[in-house]
Protein backbone atom coordinates (compact mmCIF):
# COMPACT_ATOMS: atom_id res chain seq x y z
CA UNK A 1 90.44 121.14 109.18
CA UNK A 2 88.74 120.20 105.71
CA UNK A 3 89.95 116.94 103.94
CA UNK A 4 88.74 116.05 100.01
CA UNK A 5 88.88 112.73 98.81
CA UNK A 6 88.96 112.20 94.70
CA UNK A 7 87.36 108.96 93.65
CA UNK A 8 85.99 108.03 90.12
CA UNK A 9 86.28 103.68 89.98
CA UNK A 10 84.87 100.59 91.30
CA UNK A 11 88.17 99.67 92.86
CA UNK A 12 89.13 102.97 94.41
CA UNK A 13 85.81 102.75 96.06
CA UNK A 14 85.80 99.65 97.57
CA UNK A 15 89.69 100.21 98.41
CA UNK A 16 89.18 103.39 100.18
CA UNK A 17 85.81 102.11 101.95
CA UNK A 18 87.48 101.36 104.98
CA UNK A 19 88.95 104.56 104.93
CA UNK A 20 86.57 107.02 104.37
CA UNK A 21 84.13 106.72 107.48
CA UNK A 22 87.32 107.55 109.47
CA UNK A 23 87.99 110.55 107.43
CA UNK A 24 84.42 111.71 108.13
CA UNK A 25 85.12 111.29 111.79
CA UNK A 26 88.29 112.52 111.81
CA UNK A 27 87.62 115.99 109.69
CA UNK A 28 85.35 118.02 107.76
CA UNK A 29 85.55 115.51 104.82
CA UNK A 30 84.14 116.10 101.46
CA UNK A 31 83.89 113.46 98.37
CA UNK A 32 84.34 114.38 94.88
CA UNK A 33 83.30 111.62 92.63
CA UNK A 34 84.73 111.78 88.90
CA UNK A 35 82.32 109.38 87.30
CA UNK A 36 85.28 107.90 85.44
CA UNK A 37 83.49 104.95 85.65
CA UNK A 38 79.82 104.82 86.18
CA UNK A 39 77.01 102.24 86.19
CA UNK A 40 74.63 101.16 89.22
CA UNK A 41 76.09 97.80 89.46
CA UNK A 42 79.91 98.57 88.63
CA UNK A 43 80.09 101.72 90.94
CA UNK A 44 77.17 103.70 92.70
CA UNK A 45 75.62 100.88 94.50
CA UNK A 46 78.71 100.48 96.73
CA UNK A 47 78.20 103.42 98.38
CA UNK A 48 75.21 102.14 99.66
CA UNK A 49 76.81 98.79 99.98
CA UNK A 50 78.84 99.57 101.95
CA UNK A 51 77.69 102.43 103.81
CA UNK A 52 79.45 105.61 102.51
CA UNK A 53 78.50 109.15 102.58
CA UNK A 54 77.27 110.03 98.95
CA UNK A 55 79.45 112.26 97.21
CA UNK A 56 78.88 115.74 97.63
CA UNK A 57 80.29 116.31 93.73
CA UNK A 58 79.79 113.98 90.75
CA UNK A 59 81.60 115.34 87.63
CA UNK A 60 79.57 112.78 85.34
CA UNK A 61 83.42 112.87 83.11
CA UNK A 62 81.97 109.27 81.62
CA UNK A 63 84.09 107.16 79.23
CA UNK A 64 86.69 109.04 76.63
CA UNK A 65 90.65 109.07 75.51
CA UNK A 66 93.05 109.26 78.35
CA UNK A 67 93.50 113.16 77.36
CA UNK A 68 89.69 113.62 77.35
CA UNK A 69 88.85 111.82 80.62
CA UNK A 70 92.18 114.01 82.37
CA UNK A 71 91.35 117.17 80.88
CA UNK A 72 87.57 116.85 81.65
CA UNK A 73 88.42 116.12 85.10
CA UNK A 74 90.99 118.63 86.15
CA UNK A 75 88.90 121.77 84.59
CA UNK A 76 86.09 120.28 87.10
CA UNK A 77 88.09 119.20 89.86
CA UNK A 78 89.88 122.75 90.16
CA UNK A 79 86.55 124.36 90.61
CA UNK A 80 85.54 121.91 93.10
CA UNK A 81 88.88 122.62 95.04
CA UNK A 82 89.18 126.41 94.55
CA UNK A 83 85.21 126.15 96.16
CA UNK A 84 86.05 124.08 98.83
CA UNK A 85 89.37 125.23 99.97
CA UNK A 86 90.77 121.63 101.35
CA UNK A 87 93.48 121.48 103.89
CA UNK A 88 94.45 118.58 102.22
CA UNK A 89 93.19 116.17 99.37
CA UNK A 90 93.52 112.40 99.30
CA UNK A 91 94.11 109.82 96.55
CA UNK A 92 94.18 106.90 95.84
CA UNK A 93 95.93 104.04 93.51
CA UNK A 94 96.60 104.71 89.69
CA UNK A 95 93.35 105.27 87.79
CA UNK A 96 93.10 108.27 85.10
CA UNK A 97 91.25 109.85 88.56
CA UNK A 98 94.30 109.76 90.43
CA UNK A 99 96.56 111.05 88.26
CA UNK A 100 94.01 113.99 87.63
CA UNK A 101 93.78 114.71 91.11
CA UNK A 102 97.20 114.83 91.73
CA UNK A 103 97.96 117.29 89.27
CA UNK A 104 94.98 119.82 90.00
CA UNK A 105 95.87 119.32 93.68
CA UNK A 106 99.60 120.46 92.82
CA UNK A 107 99.26 122.56 90.68
CA UNK A 108 96.85 124.41 93.14
CA UNK A 109 99.76 124.03 95.68
CA UNK A 110 97.10 121.84 98.10
CA UNK A 111 99.11 119.39 100.56
CA UNK A 112 98.46 115.95 98.73
CA UNK A 113 98.33 112.60 100.06
CA UNK A 114 98.65 109.47 97.82
CA UNK A 115 97.29 105.97 99.00
CA UNK A 116 98.65 102.82 97.78
CA UNK A 117 101.42 104.78 96.39
CA UNK A 118 105.01 103.19 95.12
CA UNK A 119 103.67 100.23 93.31
CA UNK A 120 105.64 99.45 90.16
CA UNK A 121 105.16 96.97 87.71
CA UNK A 122 108.02 98.43 85.62
CA UNK A 123 106.53 98.14 82.03
CA UNK A 124 105.73 101.71 81.36
CA UNK A 125 103.27 101.20 78.23
CA UNK A 126 100.45 101.09 81.15
CA UNK A 127 98.61 103.93 81.71
CA UNK A 128 98.43 102.82 85.03
CA UNK A 129 101.98 102.94 85.20
CA UNK A 130 102.26 106.26 84.24
CA UNK A 131 99.42 107.25 86.48
CA UNK A 132 100.85 106.00 89.65
CA UNK A 133 104.12 107.53 88.96
CA UNK A 134 103.15 111.08 88.31
CA UNK A 135 100.55 110.85 91.64
CA UNK A 136 103.29 109.94 93.42
CA UNK A 137 105.88 112.49 92.34
CA UNK A 138 102.90 115.44 92.54
CA UNK A 139 102.41 113.92 96.35
CA UNK A 140 103.37 115.35 100.07
CA UNK A 141 102.76 112.79 102.19
CA UNK A 142 102.95 108.62 100.63
CA UNK A 143 101.33 105.57 101.87
CA UNK A 144 102.75 102.41 100.75
CA UNK A 145 100.82 99.31 100.93
CA UNK A 146 104.05 97.11 101.79
CA UNK A 147 108.03 97.90 101.76
CA UNK A 148 108.35 97.21 98.16
CA UNK A 149 106.32 99.59 97.24
CA UNK A 150 108.10 102.14 100.15
CA UNK A 151 111.50 101.54 98.49
CA UNK A 152 110.70 101.48 95.40
CA UNK A 153 109.69 105.34 96.41
CA UNK A 154 113.09 105.83 97.98
CA UNK A 155 114.85 104.54 95.23
CA UNK A 156 113.10 107.07 93.24
CA UNK A 157 114.41 109.78 95.59
CA UNK A 158 110.63 110.20 97.72
CA UNK A 159 112.16 111.50 101.45
CA UNK A 160 112.06 109.13 104.12
CA UNK A 161 109.83 111.41 106.46
CA UNK A 162 107.33 111.83 103.41
CA UNK A 163 106.42 107.29 103.04
CA UNK A 164 104.67 105.80 105.54
CA UNK A 165 104.06 101.90 105.32
CA UNK A 166 100.34 100.92 106.33
CA UNK A 167 99.38 97.30 104.46
CA UNK A 168 96.43 97.24 102.32
CA UNK A 169 93.19 99.11 102.14
CA UNK A 170 92.06 96.31 99.83
CA UNK A 171 92.80 93.57 102.44
CA UNK A 172 91.02 94.93 105.06
CA UNK A 173 87.95 95.71 102.54
CA UNK A 174 87.58 92.22 101.90
CA UNK A 175 87.74 91.03 105.54
CA UNK A 176 85.53 93.53 106.75
CA UNK A 177 82.70 92.82 104.20
CA UNK A 178 83.59 88.68 103.84
CA UNK A 179 80.47 88.27 106.48
CA UNK A 180 78.34 90.65 104.56
CA UNK A 181 78.77 88.66 101.45
CA UNK A 182 78.24 85.61 102.95
CA UNK A 183 74.40 86.33 103.30
CA UNK A 184 74.26 86.43 99.19
CA UNK A 185 72.50 83.98 97.71
CA UNK A 186 74.31 84.74 94.03
CA UNK A 187 76.48 80.98 93.83
CA UNK A 188 73.30 79.47 94.79
CA UNK A 189 71.37 81.28 92.77
CA UNK A 190 74.12 80.33 89.45
CA UNK A 191 73.71 76.43 90.79
CA UNK A 192 77.35 76.31 91.82
CA UNK A 193 79.23 74.63 94.34
CA UNK A 194 81.68 75.57 96.56
CA UNK A 195 85.37 75.16 95.15
CA UNK A 196 84.47 73.28 91.93
CA UNK A 197 84.53 76.35 89.80
CA UNK A 198 87.09 79.28 88.70
CA UNK A 199 86.04 82.93 88.76
CA UNK A 200 87.45 85.08 85.78
CA UNK A 201 87.88 88.41 84.88
CA UNK A 202 89.14 90.51 82.30
CA UNK A 203 89.12 94.64 82.09
CA UNK A 204 92.82 95.85 81.31
CA UNK A 205 93.17 97.67 78.21
CA UNK A 206 96.26 95.82 77.20
CA UNK A 207 94.04 92.58 77.07
CA UNK A 208 91.12 94.21 75.53
CA UNK A 209 92.30 96.47 72.90
CA UNK A 210 94.77 93.86 71.26
CA UNK A 211 92.43 91.57 69.99
CA UNK A 212 94.73 88.64 69.46
CA UNK A 213 96.02 88.71 73.08
CA UNK A 214 92.02 88.96 74.03
CA UNK A 215 91.41 86.11 71.40
CA UNK A 216 94.43 83.93 73.22
CA UNK A 217 93.29 84.44 76.47
CA UNK A 218 89.95 83.39 75.42
CA UNK A 219 90.91 80.44 73.54
CA UNK A 220 92.39 79.50 76.78
CA UNK A 221 89.35 79.65 78.79
CA UNK A 222 87.46 77.66 76.20
CA UNK A 223 89.93 75.07 76.78
CA UNK A 224 90.10 74.89 80.12
CA UNK A 225 86.46 75.20 80.95
CA UNK A 226 86.23 71.83 79.02
CA UNK A 227 87.62 70.25 82.73
CA UNK A 228 86.03 72.85 84.81
CA UNK A 229 82.97 75.70 85.09
CA UNK A 230 83.84 78.88 84.29
CA UNK A 231 82.37 81.91 85.51
CA UNK A 232 83.01 84.94 83.90
CA UNK A 233 81.40 88.19 85.06
CA UNK A 234 81.78 90.20 81.54
CA UNK A 235 83.09 94.10 81.67
CA UNK A 236 81.38 95.92 79.62
CA UNK A 237 83.98 97.06 77.71
CA UNK A 238 85.64 93.39 77.17
CA UNK A 239 81.87 92.53 75.92
CA UNK A 240 81.49 95.10 73.39
CA UNK A 241 84.84 94.10 71.95
CA UNK A 242 84.50 90.43 71.88
CA UNK A 243 81.19 91.05 70.23
CA UNK A 244 82.86 93.69 67.73
CA UNK A 245 85.43 91.09 66.59
CA UNK A 246 83.07 88.29 66.67
CA UNK A 247 85.35 85.97 69.67
CA UNK A 248 83.54 83.13 70.25
CA UNK A 249 82.91 81.94 74.09
CA UNK A 250 82.65 77.92 74.88
CA UNK A 251 78.67 76.86 76.31
CA UNK A 252 81.08 75.91 79.07
CA UNK A 253 81.69 79.01 80.11
CA UNK A 254 78.84 80.77 82.77
CA UNK A 255 78.96 84.26 81.22
CA UNK A 256 76.79 86.35 83.53
CA UNK A 257 76.55 90.40 84.13
CA UNK A 258 79.31 92.42 86.27
CA UNK A 259 77.96 91.54 89.62
CA UNK A 260 77.83 94.15 92.58
CA UNK A 261 80.75 93.88 95.03
CA UNK A 262 79.28 91.74 97.81
CA UNK A 263 77.69 89.13 95.12
CA UNK A 264 81.41 89.37 93.51
CA UNK A 265 83.45 88.62 96.98
CA UNK A 266 81.11 85.63 97.40
CA UNK A 267 81.77 84.30 94.19
CA UNK A 268 85.53 84.83 94.93
CA UNK A 269 85.17 83.27 98.58
CA UNK A 270 83.85 80.21 96.92
CA UNK A 271 85.69 79.42 94.00
CA UNK A 272 88.44 77.33 93.61
CA UNK A 273 90.77 79.82 92.20
CA UNK A 274 90.54 83.49 90.34
CA UNK A 275 91.84 84.42 86.90
CA UNK A 276 91.73 88.20 86.23
CA UNK A 277 94.06 90.87 84.83
CA UNK A 278 92.66 93.40 88.07
CA UNK A 279 95.01 94.39 90.49
CA UNK A 280 92.57 94.75 93.18
CA UNK A 281 91.20 90.95 92.70
CA UNK A 282 95.17 90.11 93.33
CA UNK A 283 94.65 91.51 96.68
CA UNK A 284 91.06 90.79 97.64
CA UNK A 285 91.86 87.27 96.72
CA UNK A 286 94.85 87.20 98.42
CA UNK A 287 92.84 87.94 102.01
CA UNK A 288 90.13 85.16 101.24
CA UNK A 289 93.23 82.74 100.90
CA UNK A 290 91.53 81.64 97.19
CA UNK A 291 94.73 81.94 94.64
CA UNK A 292 94.74 84.37 92.31
CA UNK A 293 96.34 83.43 88.77
CA UNK A 294 97.20 86.61 86.92
CA UNK A 295 96.34 86.82 83.15
CA UNK A 296 99.27 89.73 82.59
CA UNK A 297 102.78 89.18 82.19
CA UNK A 298 103.70 91.51 84.86
CA UNK A 299 101.92 92.74 88.21
CA UNK A 300 102.55 96.04 90.45
CA UNK A 301 101.64 93.26 93.23
CA UNK A 302 105.12 92.05 93.48
CA UNK A 303 105.06 91.08 97.17
CA UNK A 304 102.19 88.37 96.13
CA UNK A 305 103.51 86.55 93.52
CA UNK A 306 107.44 86.54 95.66
CA UNK A 307 105.12 84.57 98.69
CA UNK A 308 104.00 82.22 96.28
CA UNK A 309 100.13 83.14 97.04
CA UNK A 310 99.42 84.70 93.76
CA UNK A 311 100.97 83.11 90.54
CA UNK A 312 102.00 85.11 86.62
CA UNK A 313 100.03 83.45 83.85
CA UNK A 314 101.39 85.36 81.07
CA UNK A 315 98.57 86.52 78.00
CA UNK A 316 99.33 83.59 75.61
CA UNK A 317 96.99 80.76 75.14
CA UNK A 318 99.93 77.92 75.53
CA UNK A 319 100.46 79.62 78.76
CA UNK A 320 97.78 79.94 80.65
CA UNK A 321 96.48 76.52 79.99
CA UNK A 322 99.82 74.45 80.75
CA UNK A 323 100.47 76.22 84.25
CA UNK A 324 96.46 75.90 84.97
CA UNK A 325 96.07 72.85 83.98
CA UNK A 326 99.55 71.94 86.18
CA UNK A 327 97.49 73.57 89.25
CA UNK A 328 94.19 71.59 88.65
CA UNK A 329 96.04 68.64 87.94
CA UNK A 330 97.45 68.75 91.21
CA UNK A 331 95.55 70.71 93.99
CA UNK A 332 97.88 70.13 96.86
CA UNK A 333 99.75 73.00 95.12
CA UNK A 334 96.73 75.17 95.27
CA UNK A 335 96.29 74.30 98.74
CA UNK A 336 99.44 75.71 99.61
CA UNK A 337 99.21 78.41 98.05
CA UNK A 338 96.09 79.49 99.81
CA UNK A 339 98.11 78.45 103.03
CA UNK A 340 100.72 80.96 102.42
CA UNK A 341 100.39 84.05 104.95
CA UNK A 342 101.21 87.46 103.38
CA UNK A 343 101.89 89.28 106.69
CA UNK A 344 100.14 91.97 105.88
CA UNK A 345 97.21 92.95 108.81
CA UNK A 346 93.56 94.27 108.31
CA UNK A 347 93.76 97.39 110.14
CA UNK A 348 95.49 99.64 107.17
CA UNK A 349 93.11 102.42 107.84
CA UNK A 350 93.89 102.77 111.15
CA UNK A 351 97.58 103.03 110.83
CA UNK A 352 96.84 105.74 108.04
CA UNK A 353 94.55 107.81 109.81
CA UNK A 354 97.33 108.02 112.63
CA UNK A 355 99.80 108.94 110.16
CA UNK A 356 97.84 111.34 108.11
CA UNK A 357 96.96 113.05 111.50
CA UNK A 358 100.83 113.34 112.19
CA UNK A 359 101.35 114.88 108.34
CA UNK A 360 98.13 117.43 109.01
CA UNK A 361 99.70 118.48 112.30
CA UNK A 362 103.08 119.77 110.58
CA UNK A 363 101.56 121.38 107.70
CA UNK A 364 99.25 123.82 109.99
């Protein structure tokens, strides 16, 4: 049977990296890359680093408004899916690629599997929330990371028989690739000492498109950088907005180019803590037992905050500074967060493959 996986961003490639080789072995597997994000460091390099098959299709969509991206993706995906005529389609997460893939498969009446289903921030101002809801309700089979996500789906009327709880592929990927990341010399090259710096990323639209919010976050980082070194791999869009609005970054912050996955994993593994608005990093840092302070007002990964593994900071400068300084002054609290066990095993891809094979046998 033929399977098609649709992806288009760095987080999707990383999170799907444990599952893709299993799909290669279990099915006639075709990979479609929308190129929603594309640059050598931010994207394509992962296929080489993680030893993944190259995509058969590259749609070269690039940036644009949500409507432009989604419409271009659906047009390209429809042609590819009609040509390949797969038995089922797999999408992951909550990107515009995820939604476009889900809608296209549903319109063509191709059975759809959504990995990382059921995540909810309950904030529909976030485009990702709309994407994940649409993908879930287009899907025939849904793979939830945790019980909370499973329960969200059931409460929305998804049949229990169509949902399986797998654990996290992002956590599995981080654990699997940690040993490869350990060979990276990036920390030494940057002159960083283990557990003596904070790693920070900012890229989400709700933080970067609102200049006042972005200024508040940067103000907090500038203040905190007087107490501890902050390493800031800057997303291209974030850098552009900072430059256009003349937002000043403290010279105490070490701003660097976006890193390859293994280099970034090395930086995360050696950091004291992570500050980020990324969903993927929240899980990856948890896998590495590095506390993640979330630069958002809500998160879809509630199982991590409820367990005390991660902490919501909000986006106001005052709140970010006070909560972070508390942890910096109370290392026992940081150590406590690091030691918390989250009960998610690193074998999600094995569980997913078993569930997909059962689903496929039922739709034959």
